[in-house]
Amino acid sequence: TPPRLTDNAIASMSFGHALSESPLALATGMSAILNGGLYRPLTLTPLTAGQAPAAGRQVVQPSTSRTMLDLMRLNVTEGTGAKADIPGLRVGGKTGTATKIIGGRYDTTKKNVSSFAAIFPTDGALGDDRYFVLIMLDQPLGNAESGGAATGAVTAAPAVGRVIERI
């Protein structure tokens, strides 16, 4: 987050600039939106046998969570996440492409951090078990197949699809 929230910084935040977050923070936020609206802090520490997950609090309405699951699925069937689709698994997700910051400034040579965050299955009851897969690529390179593009749609989404297929 920038040191001062100027009008320009706030406007930039609306399309993803001026903010950064860790993969764990992204997974935590998305899980709260996609699990029926219940925020639970995530941890990398495994639960012991019989240990219940952390208590949570409602942060979005269940109906909003259902809408977001449907929109994530739509992004895979008709949007930028198409290369992550695996028949029968109802994968949903969101691509991300961010201009890389080098030396405190946005890089002007088209260096990106590209990602795809997937949830599956997107159907079923809100309380059903789901899986979350996130792949972030630092400075991916485009190729002939992608027309030189290095966005999340053509780099991270296909990788997520391959991971989900192997699961």
C-alpha atoms as a PDB file:
ATOM      1  CA  THR A   1       0.000   0.000   0.000  1.00  0.00           C
ATOM      2  CA  PRO A   2       1.352   3.446  -0.818  1.00  0.00           C
ATOM      3  CA  PRO A   3       2.514   5.669   2.054  1.00  0.00           C
ATOM      4  CA  ARG A   4      -0.240   8.220   1.263  1.00  0.00           C
ATOM      5  CA  LEU A   5      -3.698   7.453  -0.092  1.00  0.00           C
ATOM      6  CA  THR A   6      -3.865  10.138  -2.758  1.00  0.00           C
ATOM      7  CA  ASP A   7      -6.743  10.305  -5.260  1.00  0.00           C
ATOM      8  CA  ASN A   8      -4.417   8.770  -7.853  1.00  0.00           C
ATOM      9  CA  ALA A   9      -3.442   5.898  -5.523  1.00  0.00           C
ATOM     10  CA  ILE A  10      -7.088   5.170  -4.728  1.00  0.00           C
ATOM     11  CA  ALA A  11      -8.016   5.198  -8.419  1.00  0.00           C
ATOM     12  CA  SER A  12      -5.092   2.887  -9.181  1.00  0.00           C
ATOM     13  CA  MET A  13      -6.238   0.458  -6.494  1.00  0.00           C
ATOM     14  CA  SER A  14      -9.528  -0.029  -8.345  1.00  0.00           C
ATOM     15  CA  PHE A  15      -7.696  -1.954 -11.070  1.00  0.00           C
ATOM     16  CA  GLY A  16      -5.118  -3.666  -8.894  1.00  0.00           C
ATOM     17  CA  HIS A  17      -2.215  -1.225  -8.792  1.00  0.00           C
ATOM     18  CA  ALA A  18      -0.734   0.122  -5.550  1.00  0.00           C
ATOM     19  CA  LEU A  19      -1.627  -3.072  -3.686  1.00  0.00           C
ATOM     20  CA  SER A  20       0.167  -6.317  -3.153  1.00  0.00           C
ATOM     21  CA  GLU A  21      -0.645  -9.351  -1.085  1.00  0.00           C
ATOM     22  CA  SER A  22       0.842 -12.689  -0.267  1.00  0.00           C
ATOM     23  CA  PRO A  23      -0.513 -15.914  -1.743  1.00  0.00           C
ATOM     24  CA  LEU A  24      -1.754 -16.871   1.740  1.00  0.00           C
ATOM     25  CA  ALA A  25      -3.660 -13.577   2.055  1.00  0.00           C
ATOM     26  CA  LEU A  26      -5.212 -14.127  -1.384  1.00  0.00           C
ATOM     27  CA  ALA A  27      -6.275 -17.662  -0.435  1.00  0.00           C
ATOM     28  CA  THR A  28      -7.723 -16.417   2.851  1.00  0.00           C
ATOM     29  CA  GLY A  29      -9.750 -13.662   1.195  1.00  0.00           C
ATOM     30  CA  MET A  30     -11.017 -15.843  -1.621  1.00  0.00           C
ATOM     31  CA  SER A  31     -11.971 -18.667   0.728  1.00  0.00           C
ATOM     32  CA  ALA A  32     -14.149 -16.275   2.732  1.00  0.00           C
ATOM     33  CA  ILE A  33     -15.941 -15.178  -0.418  1.00  0.00           C
ATOM     34  CA  LEU A  34     -16.323 -18.675  -1.892  1.00  0.00           C
ATOM     35  CA  ASN A  35     -17.216 -20.816   1.140  1.00  0.00           C
ATOM     36  CA  GLY A  36     -20.589 -19.323   1.997  1.00  0.00           C
ATOM     37  CA  GLY A  37     -19.136 -16.067   3.297  1.00  0.00           C
ATOM     38  CA  LEU A  38     -17.380 -17.293   6.445  1.00  0.00           C
ATOM     39  CA  TYR A  39     -13.966 -15.736   7.180  1.00  0.00           C
ATOM     40  CA  ARG A  40     -11.508 -18.099   8.826  1.00  0.00           C
ATOM     41  CA  PRO A  41      -7.840 -17.193   9.164  1.00  0.00           C
ATOM     42  CA  LEU A  42      -5.763 -19.687   7.186  1.00  0.00           C
ATOM     43  CA  THR A  43      -2.517 -21.125   8.380  1.00  0.00           C
ATOM     44  CA  LEU A  44       0.199 -23.306   6.965  1.00  0.00           C
ATOM     45  CA  THR A  45       0.261 -25.278  10.212  1.00  0.00           C
ATOM     46  CA  PRO A  46      -1.633 -28.560   9.844  1.00  0.00           C
ATOM     47  CA  LEU A  47      -4.490 -29.376  12.178  1.00  0.00           C
ATOM     48  CA  THR A  48      -3.890 -32.250  14.550  1.00  0.00           C
ATOM     49  CA  ALA A  49      -6.226 -35.240  14.493  1.00  0.00           C
ATOM     50  CA  GLY A  50      -9.608 -34.213  15.863  1.00  0.00           C
ATOM     51  CA  GLN A  51      -8.742 -30.484  15.966  1.00  0.00           C
ATOM     52  CA  ALA A  52     -11.499 -28.243  14.631  1.00  0.00           C
ATOM     53  CA  PRO A  53     -10.689 -25.383  12.237  1.00  0.00           C
ATOM     54  CA  ALA A  54     -10.574 -21.861  13.659  1.00  0.00           C
ATOM     55  CA  ALA A  55     -13.935 -20.297  14.446  1.00  0.00           C
ATOM     56  CA  GLY A  56     -15.037 -17.915  11.742  1.00  0.00           C
ATOM     57  CA  ARG A  57     -17.259 -14.892  11.279  1.00  0.00           C
ATOM     58  CA  GLN A  58     -19.710 -14.087   8.498  1.00  0.00           C
ATOM     59  CA  VAL A  59     -18.239 -11.434   6.161  1.00  0.00           C
ATOM     60  CA  VAL A  60     -20.486 -11.756   3.089  1.00  0.00           C
ATOM     61  CA  GLN A  61     -24.011 -13.067   2.662  1.00  0.00           C
ATOM     62  CA  PRO A  62     -24.343 -16.685   1.522  1.00  0.00           C
ATOM     63  CA  SER A  63     -26.226 -15.455  -1.557  1.00  0.00           C
ATOM     64  CA  THR A  64     -23.219 -13.275  -2.479  1.00  0.00           C
ATOM     65  CA  SER A  65     -20.939 -16.265  -2.081  1.00  0.00           C
ATOM     66  CA  ARG A  66     -23.141 -18.327  -4.439  1.00  0.00           C
ATOM     67  CA  THR A  67     -23.089 -15.492  -6.985  1.00  0.00           C
ATOM     68  CA  MET A  68     -19.291 -15.310  -6.794  1.00  0.00           C
ATOM     69  CA  LEU A  69     -18.937 -19.079  -7.314  1.00  0.00           C
ATOM     70  CA  ASP A  70     -21.175 -18.782 -10.376  1.00  0.00           C
ATOM     71  CA  LEU A  71     -19.151 -15.825 -11.702  1.00  0.00           C
ATOM     72  CA  MET A  72     -15.880 -17.688 -11.170  1.00  0.00           C
ATOM     73  CA  ARG A  73     -17.292 -20.608 -13.156  1.00  0.00           C
ATOM     74  CA  LEU A  74     -18.456 -18.232 -15.877  1.00  0.00           C
ATOM     75  CA  ASN A  75     -14.932 -16.787 -16.116  1.00  0.00           C
ATOM     76  CA  VAL A  76     -13.657 -20.280 -16.919  1.00  0.00           C
ATOM     77  CA  THR A  77     -16.422 -21.225 -19.355  1.00  0.00           C
ATOM     78  CA  GLU A  78     -16.593 -17.907 -21.198  1.00  0.00           C
ATOM     79  CA  GLY A  79     -13.773 -15.687 -20.011  1.00  0.00           C
ATOM     80  CA  THR A  80     -10.054 -15.397 -19.414  1.00  0.00           C
ATOM     81  CA  GLY A  81      -9.810 -18.596 -17.363  1.00  0.00           C
ATOM     82  CA  ALA A  82     -10.821 -20.944 -20.180  1.00  0.00           C
ATOM     83  CA  LYS A  83      -7.441 -22.695 -20.290  1.00  0.00           C
ATOM     84  CA  ALA A  84      -7.985 -23.977 -16.712  1.00  0.00           C
ATOM     85  CA  ASP A  85     -11.207 -25.813 -17.498  1.00  0.00           C
ATOM     86  CA  ILE A  86     -11.202 -29.541 -16.801  1.00  0.00           C
ATOM     87  CA  PRO A  87     -14.319 -31.400 -18.020  1.00  0.00           C
ATOM     88  CA  GLY A  88     -16.515 -32.649 -15.192  1.00  0.00           C
ATOM     89  CA  LEU A  89     -14.839 -30.706 -12.371  1.00  0.00           C
ATOM     90  CA  ARG A  90     -16.667 -27.360 -12.738  1.00  0.00           C
ATOM     91  CA  VAL A  91     -13.535 -25.267 -12.204  1.00  0.00           C
ATOM     92  CA  GLY A  92     -13.971 -21.572 -11.535  1.00  0.00           C
ATOM     93  CA  GLY A  93     -11.321 -18.934 -11.129  1.00  0.00           C
ATOM     94  CA  LYS A  94      -9.788 -15.546 -11.695  1.00  0.00           C
ATOM     95  CA  THR A  95      -6.787 -14.563 -13.761  1.00  0.00           C
ATOM     96  CA  GLY A  96      -4.367 -11.917 -12.590  1.00  0.00           C
ATOM     97  CA  THR A  97      -1.696  -9.970 -14.439  1.00  0.00           C
ATOM     98  CA  ALA A  98       0.243  -7.296 -12.596  1.00  0.00           C
ATOM     99  CA  THR A  99       3.039  -5.069 -13.795  1.00  0.00           C
ATOM    100  CA  LYS A 100       6.084  -5.927 -11.750  1.00  0.00           C
ATOM    101  CA  ILE A 101       7.552  -3.323  -9.419  1.00  0.00           C
ATOM    102  CA  ILE A 102      11.325  -3.069  -9.667  1.00  0.00           C
ATOM    103  CA  GLY A 103      13.236  -0.567  -7.560  1.00  0.00           C
ATOM    104  CA  GLY A 104       9.997   0.930  -6.261  1.00  0.00           C
ATOM    105  CA  ARG A 105       8.593   1.714  -9.735  1.00  0.00           C
ATOM    106  CA  TYR A 106       6.375  -0.104 -12.189  1.00  0.00           C
ATOM    107  CA  ASP A 107       8.558  -1.789 -14.792  1.00  0.00           C
ATOM    108  CA  THR A 108       8.273  -0.341 -18.290  1.00  0.00           C
ATOM    109  CA  THR A 109       9.672  -3.403 -20.102  1.00  0.00           C
ATOM    110  CA  LYS A 110       6.475  -5.454 -19.697  1.00  0.00           C
ATOM    111  CA  LYS A 111       7.680  -7.650 -16.816  1.00  0.00           C
ATOM    112  CA  ASN A 112       4.633  -9.178 -15.096  1.00  0.00           C
ATOM    113  CA  VAL A 113       3.570 -11.276 -12.194  1.00  0.00           C
ATOM    114  CA  SER A 114       0.822 -13.481 -13.600  1.00  0.00           C
ATOM    115  CA  SER A 115      -1.549 -15.714 -11.668  1.00  0.00           C
ATOM    116  CA  PHE A 116      -4.612 -17.850 -11.717  1.00  0.00           C
ATOM    117  CA  ALA A 117      -6.638 -18.614  -8.598  1.00  0.00           C
ATOM    118  CA  ALA A 118      -9.016 -21.554  -9.037  1.00  0.00           C
ATOM    119  CA  ILE A 119     -11.795 -23.069  -6.965  1.00  0.00           C
ATOM    120  CA  PHE A 120     -13.514 -26.357  -7.696  1.00  0.00           C
ATOM    121  CA  PRO A 121     -16.151 -27.619  -7.790  1.00  0.00           C
ATOM    122  CA  THR A 122     -18.198 -24.444  -8.075  1.00  0.00           C
ATOM    123  CA  ASP A 123     -21.535 -26.257  -7.810  1.00  0.00           C
ATOM    124  CA  GLY A 124     -23.099 -28.007  -4.818  1.00  0.00           C
ATOM    125  CA  ALA A 125     -24.072 -26.717  -1.402  1.00  0.00           C
ATOM    126  CA  LEU A 126     -22.116 -23.769  -0.007  1.00  0.00           C
ATOM    127  CA  GLY A 127     -20.861 -25.931   2.877  1.00  0.00           C
ATOM    128  CA  ASP A 128     -19.469 -28.645   0.577  1.00  0.00           C
ATOM    129  CA  ASP A 129     -15.741 -29.247   0.456  1.00  0.00           C
ATOM    130  CA  ARG A 130     -13.901 -27.372  -2.277  1.00  0.00           C
ATOM    131  CA  TYR A 131     -10.320 -27.150  -3.431  1.00  0.00           C
ATOM    132  CA  PHE A 132      -8.316 -23.997  -4.057  1.00  0.00           C
ATOM    133  CA  VAL A 133      -5.323 -23.908  -6.396  1.00  0.00           C
ATOM    134  CA  LEU A 134      -3.208 -20.796  -6.906  1.00  0.00           C
ATOM    135  CA  ILE A 135      -0.291 -20.480  -9.275  1.00  0.00           C
ATOM    136  CA  MET A 136       1.735 -17.257  -9.424  1.00  0.00           C
ATOM    137  CA  LEU A 137       4.463 -16.828 -12.011  1.00  0.00           C
ATOM    138  CA  ASP A 138       7.189 -14.226 -11.622  1.00  0.00           C
ATOM    139  CA  GLN A 139       8.129 -12.753 -14.992  1.00  0.00           C
ATOM    140  CA  PRO A 140       6.602 -15.443 -17.218  1.00  0.00           C
ATOM    141  CA  LEU A 141       7.616 -15.364 -20.852  1.00  0.00           C
ATOM    142  CA  GLY A 142       5.231 -15.403 -23.752  1.00  0.00           C
ATOM    143  CA  ASN A 143       5.678 -17.874 -26.576  1.00  0.00           C
ATOM    144  CA  ALA A 144       4.501 -18.408 -30.137  1.00  0.00           C
ATOM    145  CA  GLU A 145       1.317 -20.121 -28.945  1.00  0.00           C
ATOM    146  CA  SER A 146       0.402 -17.107 -26.761  1.00  0.00           C
ATOM    147  CA  GLY A 147       1.373 -14.571 -29.422  1.00  0.00           C
ATOM    148  CA  GLY A 148       4.071 -13.319 -27.057  1.00  0.00           C
ATOM    149  CA  ALA A 149       1.574 -12.529 -24.286  1.00  0.00           C
ATOM    150  CA  ALA A 150       2.530 -13.408 -20.705  1.00  0.00           C
ATOM    151  CA  THR A 151      -0.783 -12.785 -18.939  1.00  0.00           C
ATOM    152  CA  GLY A 152      -2.369 -14.996 -16.307  1.00  0.00           C
ATOM    153  CA  ALA A 153      -4.799 -16.290 -18.929  1.00  0.00           C
ATOM    154  CA  VAL A 154      -2.082 -17.809 -21.125  1.00  0.00           C
ATOM    155  CA  THR A 155       0.567 -18.713 -18.531  1.00  0.00           C
ATOM    156  CA  ALA A 156      -0.915 -19.492 -15.113  1.00  0.00           C
ATOM    157  CA  ALA A 157      -4.422 -20.694 -16.095  1.00  0.00           C
ATOM    158  CA  PRO A 158      -3.154 -23.590 -18.244  1.00  0.00           C
ATOM    159  CA  ALA A 159      -0.730 -24.595 -15.461  1.00  0.00           C
ATOM    160  CA  VAL A 160      -3.574 -24.605 -12.922  1.00  0.00           C
ATOM    161  CA  GLY A 161      -5.646 -26.735 -15.270  1.00  0.00           C
ATOM    162  CA  ARG A 162      -2.837 -29.283 -15.517  1.00  0.00           C
ATOM    163  CA  VAL A 163      -2.456 -29.382 -11.709  1.00  0.00           C
ATOM    164  CA  ILE A 164      -6.199 -29.860 -11.208  1.00  0.00           C
ATOM    165  CA  GLU A 165      -6.296 -32.583 -13.852  1.00  0.00           C
ATOM    166  CA  ARG A 166      -3.541 -34.464 -12.005  1.00  0.00           C
ATOM    167  CA  ILE A 167      -5.369 -34.106  -8.668  1.00  0.00           C
END
